[in-house]
Amino acid sequence: MQFYLQPPSAWLPTAQAAQLLGLSPEQLRRLRRKGLFKVGHHCRDTSFPNSGLSRWQWHVVRCGQALAVPPEKRGIPCP
């Protein structure tokens, strides 16, 4: 997957990142839980400590590169 129009920031909130990647926000979160996206490289939690609310940001270029790998070569269970 190639991005011809780069977003102003590589790190975007869940809804915007999901839209750019062609996924739903829940699909994006599910792929993180399954291990496709690594915290610190593909995504980061920017919530305030002890807030109880997760605020994830996603590096859309890195996520796009991970999604470009065929599912059978990803090493994670298919949904």
C-alpha atoms as a PDB file:
ATOM      1  CA  MET A   1       0.000   0.000   0.000  1.00  0.00           C
ATOM      2  CA  GLN A   2       1.455   3.364  -0.952  1.00  0.00           C
ATOM      3  CA  PHE A   3       0.367   6.736   0.303  1.00  0.00           C
ATOM      4  CA  TYR A   4       0.600   9.439  -2.319  1.00  0.00           C
ATOM      5  CA  LEU A   5      -0.896  12.107  -0.088  1.00  0.00           C
ATOM      6  CA  GLN A   6       0.944  12.120   3.193  1.00  0.00           C
ATOM      7  CA  PRO A   7      -1.020  13.395   6.187  1.00  0.00           C
ATOM      8  CA  PRO A   8       0.387  16.497   7.914  1.00  0.00           C
ATOM      9  CA  SER A   9       1.408  14.270  10.825  1.00  0.00           C
ATOM     10  CA  ALA A  10       2.377  10.639  10.508  1.00  0.00           C
ATOM     11  CA  TRP A  11       0.682   9.964  13.869  1.00  0.00           C
ATOM     12  CA  LEU A  12      -3.101  10.182  13.693  1.00  0.00           C
ATOM     13  CA  PRO A  13      -5.983   9.343  16.050  1.00  0.00           C
ATOM     14  CA  THR A  14      -7.790   6.050  15.552  1.00  0.00           C
ATOM     15  CA  ALA A  15     -10.718   7.279  13.432  1.00  0.00           C
ATOM     16  CA  GLN A  16      -8.538   9.223  10.988  1.00  0.00           C
ATOM     17  CA  ALA A  17      -5.912   6.487  10.716  1.00  0.00           C
ATOM     18  CA  ALA A  18      -8.569   3.827  10.125  1.00  0.00           C
ATOM     19  CA  GLN A  19     -10.137   5.886   7.348  1.00  0.00           C
ATOM     20  CA  LEU A  20      -6.789   6.411   5.591  1.00  0.00           C
ATOM     21  CA  LEU A  21      -5.952   2.716   5.899  1.00  0.00           C
ATOM     22  CA  GLY A  22      -9.360   1.563   4.638  1.00  0.00           C
ATOM     23  CA  LEU A  23     -10.294  -0.117   7.924  1.00  0.00           C
ATOM     24  CA  SER A  24     -12.857   0.455  10.623  1.00  0.00           C
ATOM     25  CA  PRO A  25     -11.571   1.740  13.967  1.00  0.00           C
ATOM     26  CA  GLU A  26     -12.462  -1.625  15.522  1.00  0.00           C
ATOM     27  CA  GLN A  27     -10.472  -3.518  12.860  1.00  0.00           C
ATOM     28  CA  LEU A  28      -7.470  -1.321  13.614  1.00  0.00           C
ATOM     29  CA  ARG A  29      -7.738  -2.002  17.357  1.00  0.00           C
ATOM     30  CA  ARG A  30      -8.258  -5.733  16.753  1.00  0.00           C
ATOM     31  CA  LEU A  31      -5.095  -5.955  14.635  1.00  0.00           C
ATOM     32  CA  ARG A  32      -3.145  -4.270  17.443  1.00  0.00           C
ATOM     33  CA  ARG A  33      -4.501  -6.761  19.981  1.00  0.00           C
ATOM     34  CA  LYS A  34      -3.609  -9.662  17.669  1.00  0.00           C
ATOM     35  CA  GLY A  35      -0.033  -8.414  17.364  1.00  0.00           C
ATOM     36  CA  LEU A  36       0.188  -7.041  13.823  1.00  0.00           C
ATOM     37  CA  PHE A  37       0.801  -3.516  15.103  1.00  0.00           C
ATOM     38  CA  LYS A  38       3.510  -3.086  17.731  1.00  0.00           C
ATOM     39  CA  VAL A  39       3.123  -0.452  20.434  1.00  0.00           C
ATOM     40  CA  GLY A  40       5.836   2.170  20.077  1.00  0.00           C
ATOM     41  CA  HIS A  41       6.397   1.506  16.386  1.00  0.00           C
ATOM     42  CA  HIS A  42       2.963   1.326  14.751  1.00  0.00           C
ATOM     43  CA  CYS A  43       0.860   2.832  17.525  1.00  0.00           C
ATOM     44  CA  ARG A  44       1.156   4.665  20.820  1.00  0.00           C
ATOM     45  CA  ASP A  45      -1.139   5.358  23.755  1.00  0.00           C
ATOM     46  CA  THR A  46      -1.267   9.098  24.422  1.00  0.00           C
ATOM     47  CA  SER A  47      -3.782   8.982  27.279  1.00  0.00           C
ATOM     48  CA  PHE A  48      -3.152  10.706  30.571  1.00  0.00           C
ATOM     49  CA  PRO A  49      -1.925   8.376  33.337  1.00  0.00           C
ATOM     50  CA  ASN A  50      -4.763   6.924  35.426  1.00  0.00           C
ATOM     51  CA  SER A  51      -7.388   8.474  33.144  1.00  0.00           C
ATOM     52  CA  GLY A  52      -8.982   5.128  32.358  1.00  0.00           C
ATOM     53  CA  LEU A  53      -9.372   6.153  28.707  1.00  0.00           C
ATOM     54  CA  SER A  54      -7.022   4.925  26.019  1.00  0.00           C
ATOM     55  CA  ARG A  55      -6.174   7.458  23.336  1.00  0.00           C
ATOM     56  CA  TRP A  56      -4.323   5.657  20.605  1.00  0.00           C
ATOM     57  CA  GLN A  57      -2.411   7.291  17.799  1.00  0.00           C
ATOM     58  CA  TRP A  58      -1.270   5.376  14.742  1.00  0.00           C
ATOM     59  CA  HIS A  59       1.727   5.830  12.444  1.00  0.00           C
ATOM     60  CA  VAL A  60      -0.200   5.412   9.202  1.00  0.00           C
ATOM     61  CA  VAL A  61       2.814   4.802   6.955  1.00  0.00           C
ATOM     62  CA  ARG A  62       4.166   2.013   9.175  1.00  0.00           C
ATOM     63  CA  CYS A  63       0.690   0.515   9.594  1.00  0.00           C
ATOM     64  CA  GLY A  64       0.211   0.598   5.829  1.00  0.00           C
ATOM     65  CA  GLN A  65       3.498  -1.238   5.360  1.00  0.00           C
ATOM     66  CA  ALA A  66       2.435  -3.907   7.858  1.00  0.00           C
ATOM     67  CA  LEU A  67      -0.918  -4.309   6.095  1.00  0.00           C
ATOM     68  CA  ALA A  68       0.861  -4.710   2.741  1.00  0.00           C
ATOM     69  CA  VAL A  69       2.366  -8.005   3.953  1.00  0.00           C
ATOM     70  CA  PRO A  70       0.127 -10.869   2.763  1.00  0.00           C
ATOM     71  CA  PRO A  71      -1.945 -12.304   5.654  1.00  0.00           C
ATOM     72  CA  GLU A  72      -0.371 -15.748   5.313  1.00  0.00           C
ATOM     73  CA  LYS A  73       3.080 -14.214   5.890  1.00  0.00           C
ATOM     74  CA  ARG A  74       2.163 -12.012   8.861  1.00  0.00           C
ATOM     75  CA  GLY A  75       2.588 -14.670  11.510  1.00  0.00           C
ATOM     76  CA  ILE A  76      -0.661 -13.784  13.290  1.00  0.00           C
ATOM     77  CA  PRO A  77      -4.008 -15.610  13.185  1.00  0.00           C
ATOM     78  CA  CYS A  78      -6.374 -14.395  10.474  1.00  0.00           C
ATOM     79  CA  PRO A  79      -9.574 -12.703  11.725  1.00  0.00           C
END
